[in-house]
Amino acid sequence: MNESVFEIVEKSCETLKLDFSSAEFAALAEENALSEDEPPAAEGSEDLR
């Protein structure tokens, strides 16, 4: 099962104990008018999951 970029952000923030949520990421993406192709670039390497 492929995780969405939002699920990856949420899990990563929990793991790193960051005060940042997938909702905040979505708002940031909207504010910066990221295309559908740009957020997946934030996913990083498969090796990091």
N, C-alpha and C. Protein backbone atom coordinates (compact mmCIF):
# COMPACT_ATOMS: atom_id res chain seq x y z
N MET A 1 0.85 -1.19 0.00
CA MET A 1 0.00 0.00 0.00
C MET A 1 0.89 1.24 0.00
N ASN A 2 0.60 2.15 -0.89
CA ASN A 2 1.35 3.39 -0.95
C ASN A 2 0.74 4.42 -0.02
N GLU A 3 1.60 5.04 0.76
CA GLU A 3 1.15 6.10 1.66
C GLU A 3 1.12 7.42 0.90
N SER A 4 0.20 8.27 1.28
CA SER A 4 0.17 9.60 0.68
C SER A 4 1.27 10.44 1.30
N VAL A 5 1.62 11.50 0.62
CA VAL A 5 2.64 12.41 1.14
C VAL A 5 2.21 12.96 2.50
N PHE A 6 0.90 13.13 2.70
CA PHE A 6 0.40 13.66 3.97
C PHE A 6 0.59 12.65 5.10
N GLU A 7 0.38 11.37 4.81
CA GLU A 7 0.60 10.33 5.81
C GLU A 7 2.09 10.23 6.16
N ILE A 8 2.94 10.37 5.17
CA ILE A 8 4.38 10.32 5.40
C ILE A 8 4.83 11.49 6.26
N VAL A 9 4.31 12.68 5.95
CA VAL A 9 4.66 13.87 6.75
C VAL A 9 4.20 13.67 8.19
N GLU A 10 2.98 13.18 8.37
CA GLU A 10 2.44 12.98 9.72
C GLU A 10 3.31 12.00 10.51
N LYS A 11 3.63 10.85 9.92
CA LYS A 11 4.45 9.85 10.61
C LYS A 11 5.85 10.37 10.91
N SER A 12 6.43 11.07 9.94
CA SER A 12 7.79 11.60 10.13
C SER A 12 7.82 12.62 11.26
N CYS A 13 6.83 13.47 11.30
CA CYS A 13 6.78 14.48 12.36
C CYS A 13 6.60 13.85 13.73
N GLU A 14 5.79 12.80 13.80
CA GLU A 14 5.62 12.09 15.07
C GLU A 14 6.93 11.46 15.51
N THR A 15 7.61 10.80 14.57
CA THR A 15 8.87 10.13 14.88
C THR A 15 9.93 11.12 15.35
N LEU A 16 9.99 12.26 14.68
CA LEU A 16 11.00 13.27 15.01
C LEU A 16 10.55 14.23 16.10
N LYS A 17 9.34 14.00 16.58
CA LYS A 17 8.75 14.85 17.62
C LYS A 17 8.72 16.33 17.22
N LEU A 18 8.30 16.55 15.97
CA LEU A 18 8.17 17.90 15.43
C LEU A 18 6.76 18.40 15.61
N ASP A 19 6.63 19.67 15.88
CA ASP A 19 5.32 20.29 16.03
C ASP A 19 4.85 20.78 14.66
N PHE A 20 4.52 19.83 13.79
CA PHE A 20 4.10 20.12 12.42
C PHE A 20 3.18 18.99 12.00
N SER A 21 2.07 19.32 11.39
CA SER A 21 1.10 18.29 11.02
C SER A 21 0.90 18.24 9.51
N SER A 22 0.24 17.19 9.06
CA SER A 22 -0.06 17.07 7.64
C SER A 22 -1.03 18.18 7.20
N ALA A 23 -1.87 18.63 8.12
CA ALA A 23 -2.77 19.75 7.79
C ALA A 23 -1.97 21.03 7.54
N GLU A 24 -0.93 21.24 8.36
CA GLU A 24 -0.07 22.40 8.16
C GLU A 24 0.70 22.27 6.85
N PHE A 25 1.13 21.05 6.51
CA PHE A 25 1.82 20.81 5.25
C PHE A 25 0.89 21.12 4.07
N ALA A 26 -0.37 20.69 4.19
CA ALA A 26 -1.35 20.95 3.13
C ALA A 26 -1.56 22.46 2.96
N ALA A 27 -1.65 23.18 4.07
CA ALA A 27 -1.82 24.63 4.01
C ALA A 27 -0.60 25.28 3.37
N LEU A 28 0.58 24.81 3.71
CA LEU A 28 1.81 25.34 3.13
C LEU A 28 1.85 25.07 1.62
N ALA A 29 1.47 23.88 1.22
CA ALA A 29 1.43 23.54 -0.20
C ALA A 29 0.45 24.44 -0.95
N GLU A 30 -0.69 24.69 -0.33
CA GLU A 30 -1.70 25.54 -0.96
C GLU A 30 -1.21 26.99 -1.05
N GLU A 31 -0.62 27.50 0.03
CA GLU A 31 -0.12 28.87 0.05
C GLU A 31 0.93 29.10 -1.03
N ASN A 32 1.75 28.08 -1.28
CA ASN A 32 2.84 28.20 -2.24
C ASN A 32 2.47 27.65 -3.61
N ALA A 33 1.20 27.34 -3.79
CA ALA A 33 0.67 26.86 -5.07
C ALA A 33 1.51 25.74 -5.66
N LEU A 34 1.82 24.73 -4.82
CA LEU A 34 2.58 23.60 -5.31
C LEU A 34 1.71 22.76 -6.25
N SER A 35 2.31 22.31 -7.32
CA SER A 35 1.57 21.46 -8.25
C SER A 35 1.47 20.06 -7.66
N GLU A 36 0.69 19.21 -8.31
CA GLU A 36 0.54 17.83 -7.83
C GLU A 36 1.86 17.07 -7.89
N ASP A 37 2.76 17.48 -8.78
CA ASP A 37 4.05 16.79 -8.92
C ASP A 37 5.06 17.21 -7.86
N GLU A 38 4.90 18.37 -7.27
CA GLU A 38 5.89 18.87 -6.33
C GLU A 38 5.83 18.24 -4.94
N PRO A 39 4.67 18.07 -4.30
CA PRO A 39 4.68 17.47 -2.95
C PRO A 39 5.34 16.09 -2.89
N PRO A 40 5.16 15.19 -3.88
CA PRO A 40 5.84 13.90 -3.77
C PRO A 40 7.36 14.02 -3.71
N ALA A 41 7.91 15.09 -4.25
CA ALA A 41 9.36 15.30 -4.17
C ALA A 41 9.79 15.47 -2.73
N ALA A 42 8.89 15.89 -1.87
CA ALA A 42 9.19 16.07 -0.45
C ALA A 42 9.24 14.74 0.29
N GLU A 43 8.79 13.66 -0.35
CA GLU A 43 8.77 12.35 0.29
C GLU A 43 10.16 11.82 0.55
N GLY A 44 11.11 12.18 -0.30
CA GLY A 44 12.47 11.73 -0.11
C GLY A 44 12.68 10.31 -0.62
N SER A 45 13.72 9.74 -0.14
CA SER A 45 14.14 8.42 -0.59
C SER A 45 13.30 7.32 0.06
N GLU A 46 13.10 6.25 -0.69
CA GLU A 46 12.41 5.07 -0.14
C GLU A 46 13.22 4.49 1.02
N ASP A 47 14.54 4.69 1.01
CA ASP A 47 15.41 4.14 2.05
C ASP A 47 15.16 4.78 3.41
N LEU A 48 14.54 5.97 3.42
CA LEU A 48 14.35 6.69 4.66
C LEU A 48 13.07 6.28 5.39
N ARG A 49 12.25 5.47 4.78
CA ARG A 49 10.99 5.06 5.40
C ARG A 49 11.14 3.86 6.27
